[in-house]
Amino acid sequence: MRSFYRLVYRGLFPKKAHFGEQLDIKCSIIVGFSTYLEFQEEF
């Protein structure tokens, strides 16, 4: 969950994020969205 807040922080301050971090953000969004869908299916 800590990575989620870091993702939101990077979203609020995109100027501080490097190019590699931006790729990491996109991967985190994809992984987070897929885990979110799995979490929705359980309930």
N, C-alpha and C. Protein backbone atom coordinates (compact mmCIF):
# COMPACT_ATOMS: atom_id res chain seq x y z
N MET A 1 0.84 -1.20 0.00
CA MET A 1 0.00 0.00 0.00
C MET A 1 0.88 1.25 0.00
N ARG A 2 2.09 1.10 0.53
CA ARG A 2 2.99 2.24 0.57
C ARG A 2 3.37 2.68 -0.83
N SER A 3 3.49 1.71 -1.73
CA SER A 3 3.83 2.04 -3.12
C SER A 3 2.69 2.82 -3.78
N PHE A 4 1.46 2.59 -3.32
CA PHE A 4 0.31 3.31 -3.88
C PHE A 4 0.40 4.79 -3.54
N TYR A 5 0.75 5.10 -2.29
CA TYR A 5 0.88 6.49 -1.89
C TYR A 5 2.05 7.15 -2.62
N ARG A 6 3.11 6.36 -2.85
CA ARG A 6 4.25 6.89 -3.60
C ARG A 6 3.85 7.16 -5.04
N LEU A 7 2.95 6.30 -5.56
CA LEU A 7 2.44 6.49 -6.92
C LEU A 7 1.61 7.77 -7.00
N VAL A 8 0.77 8.00 -5.99
CA VAL A 8 -0.04 9.22 -5.96
C VAL A 8 0.85 10.45 -5.81
N TYR A 9 1.90 10.31 -4.99
CA TYR A 9 2.83 11.43 -4.79
C TYR A 9 3.52 11.79 -6.09
N ARG A 10 3.93 10.77 -6.84
CA ARG A 10 4.57 11.02 -8.13
C ARG A 10 3.58 11.61 -9.12
N GLY A 11 2.31 11.22 -8.98
CA GLY A 11 1.29 11.78 -9.87
C GLY A 11 1.07 13.26 -9.59
N LEU A 12 1.19 13.64 -8.30
CA LEU A 12 1.00 15.04 -7.94
C LEU A 12 2.22 15.87 -8.31
N PHE A 13 3.40 15.24 -8.29
CA PHE A 13 4.64 15.95 -8.61
C PHE A 13 5.38 15.23 -9.74
N PRO A 14 4.86 15.35 -10.97
CA PRO A 14 5.45 14.62 -12.10
C PRO A 14 6.81 15.18 -12.51
N LYS A 15 7.10 16.43 -12.14
CA LYS A 15 8.37 17.04 -12.55
C LYS A 15 9.54 16.39 -11.83
N LYS A 16 9.30 15.84 -10.63
CA LYS A 16 10.38 15.23 -9.86
C LYS A 16 10.67 13.81 -10.33
N ALA A 17 9.74 13.24 -11.10
CA ALA A 17 9.91 11.86 -11.54
C ALA A 17 10.79 11.80 -12.78
N HIS A 18 11.74 10.88 -12.76
CA HIS A 18 12.61 10.69 -13.92
C HIS A 18 11.91 9.82 -14.94
N PHE A 19 12.55 9.62 -16.09
CA PHE A 19 11.92 8.83 -17.16
C PHE A 19 11.73 7.39 -16.72
N GLY A 20 12.69 6.83 -16.01
CA GLY A 20 12.58 5.45 -15.53
C GLY A 20 11.44 5.32 -14.53
N GLU A 21 11.26 6.35 -13.71
CA GLU A 21 10.18 6.30 -12.73
C GLU A 21 8.82 6.40 -13.41
N GLN A 22 8.77 7.14 -14.52
CA GLN A 22 7.51 7.25 -15.25
C GLN A 22 7.11 5.89 -15.82
N LEU A 23 8.10 5.11 -16.29
CA LEU A 23 7.81 3.76 -16.78
C LEU A 23 7.35 2.90 -15.61
N ASP A 24 7.97 3.10 -14.44
CA ASP A 24 7.59 2.35 -13.25
C ASP A 24 6.18 2.71 -12.83
N ILE A 25 5.79 3.96 -13.03
CA ILE A 25 4.44 4.40 -12.70
C ILE A 25 3.42 3.68 -13.57
N LYS A 26 3.71 3.60 -14.88
CA LYS A 26 2.79 2.93 -15.80
C LYS A 26 2.64 1.46 -15.43
N CYS A 27 3.75 0.81 -15.07
CA CYS A 27 3.69 -0.60 -14.68
C CYS A 27 2.91 -0.74 -13.38
N SER A 28 3.11 0.19 -12.45
CA SER A 28 2.41 0.14 -11.17
C SER A 28 0.91 0.33 -11.37
N ILE A 29 0.54 1.19 -12.31
CA ILE A 29 -0.89 1.42 -12.57
C ILE A 29 -1.52 0.16 -13.14
N ILE A 30 -0.81 -0.51 -14.07
CA ILE A 30 -1.35 -1.73 -14.67
C ILE A 30 -1.49 -2.82 -13.63
N VAL A 31 -0.44 -3.01 -12.82
CA VAL A 31 -0.47 -4.05 -11.79
C VAL A 31 -1.51 -3.72 -10.73
N GLY A 32 -1.57 -2.46 -10.32
CA GLY A 32 -2.53 -2.04 -9.31
C GLY A 32 -3.97 -2.19 -9.78
N PHE A 33 -4.21 -1.91 -11.06
CA PHE A 33 -5.55 -2.01 -11.60
C PHE A 33 -5.98 -3.47 -11.70
N SER A 34 -5.04 -4.35 -12.08
CA SER A 34 -5.36 -5.77 -12.19
C SER A 34 -5.64 -6.36 -10.82
N THR A 35 -4.85 -5.96 -9.81
CA THR A 35 -5.08 -6.46 -8.46
C THR A 35 -6.38 -5.89 -7.91
N TYR A 36 -6.74 -4.67 -8.32
CA TYR A 36 -8.00 -4.06 -7.89
C TYR A 36 -9.18 -4.85 -8.44
N LEU A 37 -9.08 -5.29 -9.69
CA LEU A 37 -10.16 -6.08 -10.29
C LEU A 37 -10.28 -7.42 -9.58
N GLU A 38 -9.15 -8.02 -9.24
CA GLU A 38 -9.18 -9.29 -8.52
C GLU A 38 -9.79 -9.10 -7.14
N PHE A 39 -9.51 -7.97 -6.51
CA PHE A 39 -10.05 -7.68 -5.19
C PHE A 39 -11.56 -7.48 -5.26
N GLN A 40 -12.04 -6.89 -6.36
CA GLN A 40 -13.47 -6.68 -6.54
C GLN A 40 -14.20 -8.00 -6.77
N GLU A 41 -13.54 -8.94 -7.43
CA GLU A 41 -14.19 -10.21 -7.73
C GLU A 41 -14.38 -11.05 -6.46
N GLU A 42 -13.52 -10.84 -5.47
CA GLU A 42 -13.61 -11.64 -4.25
C GLU A 42 -14.83 -11.26 -3.42
N PHE A 43 -15.28 -10.02 -3.54
CA PHE A 43 -16.40 -9.56 -2.71
C PHE A 43 -17.65 -9.29 -3.53
